[in-house]
Amino acid sequence: MLFASLGGLLTLVGAVWLVVIAIQTGQTNGEKVIWALVNFLCQPLGGIVFYIVKREGLIPLIFVLIGSLLLGFGNYSFMMDMMNQMPR
C-alpha cells in the first residue's frame, strides 16, 4: 500500500509539473492547452512524447516514470496479498 501511495503521489506531482512546463513553453494558447491536456490525461506516454518533441521537462518525466513503476508494483503486491487471503 505504501508503494502505491508514494507512486501515485510522485505521478501526480510529475504530471502537474509537466502541465506547468507545457503552459510556460507553449507558443500559442492552443498549443499550451493541447500540451497541458496531453500531459495531464495521458501519463506517462504524454510526458514521454512531450519530452521528445519539446526537449523540456526531464526531471518531472522521471518523477512520472518512477511513480508509475511504484504504483504498478504497489498494486501488484496488494492484489497478490488479497489473492493469498482468499479461501481455496
C-alpha atoms as a PDB file:
ATOM      1  CA  MET A   1       0.000   0.000   0.000  1.00  0.00           C
ATOM      2  CA  LEU A   2       2.894   2.339   0.765  1.00  0.00           C
ATOM      3  CA  PHE A   3       4.445   1.857  -2.681  1.00  0.00           C
ATOM      4  CA  ALA A   4       1.137   2.552  -4.407  1.00  0.00           C
ATOM      5  CA  SER A   5       0.541   5.714  -2.379  1.00  0.00           C
ATOM      6  CA  LEU A   6       4.049   7.020  -2.948  1.00  0.00           C
ATOM      7  CA  GLY A   7       3.846   6.120  -6.652  1.00  0.00           C
ATOM      8  CA  GLY A   8       0.519   7.894  -7.057  1.00  0.00           C
ATOM      9  CA  LEU A   9       1.881  10.993  -5.346  1.00  0.00           C
ATOM     10  CA  LEU A  10       5.030  11.059  -7.488  1.00  0.00           C
ATOM     11  CA  THR A  11       2.990  10.574 -10.654  1.00  0.00           C
ATOM     12  CA  LEU A  12       0.617  13.385  -9.710  1.00  0.00           C
ATOM     13  CA  VAL A  13       3.443  15.797  -8.830  1.00  0.00           C
ATOM     14  CA  GLY A  14       5.286  14.997 -12.067  1.00  0.00           C
ATOM     15  CA  ALA A  15       2.131  15.359 -14.165  1.00  0.00           C
ATOM     16  CA  VAL A  16       1.226  18.743 -12.669  1.00  0.00           C
ATOM     17  CA  TRP A  17       4.828  19.886 -13.078  1.00  0.00           C
ATOM     18  CA  LEU A  18       4.738  18.864 -16.751  1.00  0.00           C
ATOM     19  CA  VAL A  19       1.474  20.775 -17.211  1.00  0.00           C
ATOM     20  CA  VAL A  20       3.107  23.908 -15.788  1.00  0.00           C
ATOM     21  CA  ILE A  21       6.120  23.478 -18.099  1.00  0.00           C
ATOM     22  CA  ALA A  22       3.794  22.931 -21.072  1.00  0.00           C
ATOM     23  CA  ILE A  23       1.935  26.153 -20.303  1.00  0.00           C
ATOM     24  CA  GLN A  24       5.180  28.090 -19.860  1.00  0.00           C
ATOM     25  CA  THR A  25       6.815  26.847 -23.074  1.00  0.00           C
ATOM     26  CA  GLY A  26       3.832  26.924 -25.430  1.00  0.00           C
ATOM     27  CA  GLN A  27       3.932  29.415 -28.293  1.00  0.00           C
ATOM     28  CA  THR A  28       0.176  29.906 -28.758  1.00  0.00           C
ATOM     29  CA  ASN A  29      -2.802  29.430 -26.470  1.00  0.00           C
ATOM     30  CA  GLY A  30      -3.953  26.404 -28.457  1.00  0.00           C
ATOM     31  CA  GLU A  31      -0.563  24.736 -28.164  1.00  0.00           C
ATOM     32  CA  LYS A  32      -0.497  25.429 -24.417  1.00  0.00           C
ATOM     33  CA  VAL A  33      -3.939  23.880 -23.910  1.00  0.00           C
ATOM     34  CA  ILE A  34      -3.217  20.809 -26.029  1.00  0.00           C
ATOM     35  CA  TRP A  35       0.110  20.045 -24.343  1.00  0.00           C
ATOM     36  CA  ALA A  36      -1.394  20.682 -20.901  1.00  0.00           C
ATOM     37  CA  LEU A  37      -4.243  18.230 -21.572  1.00  0.00           C
ATOM     38  CA  VAL A  38      -1.922  15.624 -23.077  1.00  0.00           C
ATOM     39  CA  ASN A  39       0.426  15.885 -20.112  1.00  0.00           C
ATOM     40  CA  PHE A  40      -2.301  15.639 -17.513  1.00  0.00           C
ATOM     41  CA  LEU A  41      -4.557  12.998 -19.059  1.00  0.00           C
ATOM     42  CA  CYS A  42      -2.111  10.693 -20.871  1.00  0.00           C
ATOM     43  CA  GLN A  43       0.668   9.968 -18.410  1.00  0.00           C
ATOM     44  CA  PRO A  44       3.316   8.544 -18.756  1.00  0.00           C
ATOM     45  CA  LEU A  45       3.072   8.355 -22.553  1.00  0.00           C
ATOM     46  CA  GLY A  46       2.097  12.022 -22.881  1.00  0.00           C
ATOM     47  CA  GLY A  47       5.123  13.086 -20.852  1.00  0.00           C
ATOM     48  CA  ILE A  48       7.449  10.978 -22.991  1.00  0.00           C
ATOM     49  CA  VAL A  49       6.062  12.476 -26.213  1.00  0.00           C
ATOM     50  CA  PHE A  50       6.257  15.988 -24.747  1.00  0.00           C
ATOM     51  CA  TYR A  51       9.904  15.485 -23.797  1.00  0.00           C
ATOM     52  CA  ILE A  52      10.808  14.089 -27.226  1.00  0.00           C
ATOM     53  CA  VAL A  53       9.087  16.939 -29.079  1.00  0.00           C
ATOM     54  CA  LYS A  54       9.941  19.886 -26.812  1.00  0.00           C
ATOM     55  CA  ARG A  55      13.147  18.707 -25.079  1.00  0.00           C
ATOM     56  CA  GLU A  56      11.761  20.135 -21.825  1.00  0.00           C
ATOM     57  CA  GLY A  57      10.731  18.541 -18.544  1.00  0.00           C
ATOM     58  CA  LEU A  58      13.158  15.678 -17.970  1.00  0.00           C
ATOM     59  CA  ILE A  59      13.002  15.791 -14.151  1.00  0.00           C
ATOM     60  CA  PRO A  60       9.186  15.742 -13.925  1.00  0.00           C
ATOM     61  CA  LEU A  61       9.151  12.971 -16.541  1.00  0.00           C
ATOM     62  CA  ILE A  62      11.478  10.937 -14.322  1.00  0.00           C
ATOM     63  CA  PHE A  63       9.082  11.571 -11.403  1.00  0.00           C
ATOM     64  CA  VAL A  64       6.188  10.278 -13.510  1.00  0.00           C
ATOM     65  CA  LEU A  65       8.073   7.180 -14.666  1.00  0.00           C
ATOM     66  CA  ILE A  66       9.307   6.241 -11.184  1.00  0.00           C
ATOM     67  CA  GLY A  67       5.855   6.966  -9.754  1.00  0.00           C
ATOM     68  CA  SER A  68       4.199   4.761 -12.363  1.00  0.00           C
ATOM     69  CA  LEU A  69       6.570   1.902 -11.585  1.00  0.00           C
ATOM     70  CA  LEU A  70       5.984   2.233  -7.838  1.00  0.00           C
ATOM     71  CA  LEU A  71       2.235   2.449  -8.393  1.00  0.00           C
ATOM     72  CA  GLY A  72       2.252  -0.704 -10.505  1.00  0.00           C
ATOM     73  CA  PHE A  73       4.441  -2.592  -8.031  1.00  0.00           C
ATOM     74  CA  GLY A  74       2.312  -1.487  -5.081  1.00  0.00           C
ATOM     75  CA  ASN A  75      -0.923  -2.500  -6.777  1.00  0.00           C
ATOM     76  CA  TYR A  76       0.555  -5.853  -7.826  1.00  0.00           C
ATOM     77  CA  SER A  77       1.760  -6.682  -4.319  1.00  0.00           C
ATOM     78  CA  PHE A  78      -1.566  -5.582  -2.809  1.00  0.00           C
ATOM     79  CA  MET A  79      -3.519  -7.779  -5.212  1.00  0.00           C
ATOM     80  CA  MET A  80      -1.231 -10.745  -4.532  1.00  0.00           C
ATOM     81  CA  ASP A  81      -1.857 -10.345  -0.795  1.00  0.00           C
ATOM     82  CA  MET A  82      -5.594 -10.242  -1.431  1.00  0.00           C
ATOM     83  CA  MET A  83      -5.429 -13.366  -3.619  1.00  0.00           C
ATOM     84  CA  ASN A  84      -3.469 -15.243  -0.952  1.00  0.00           C
ATOM     85  CA  GLN A  85      -6.085 -14.403   1.702  1.00  0.00           C
ATOM     86  CA  MET A  86      -8.985 -15.773  -0.361  1.00  0.00           C
ATOM     87  CA  PRO A  87     -10.385 -19.137   0.680  1.00  0.00           C
ATOM     88  CA  ARG A  88      -9.362 -22.042  -1.510  1.00  0.00           C
END
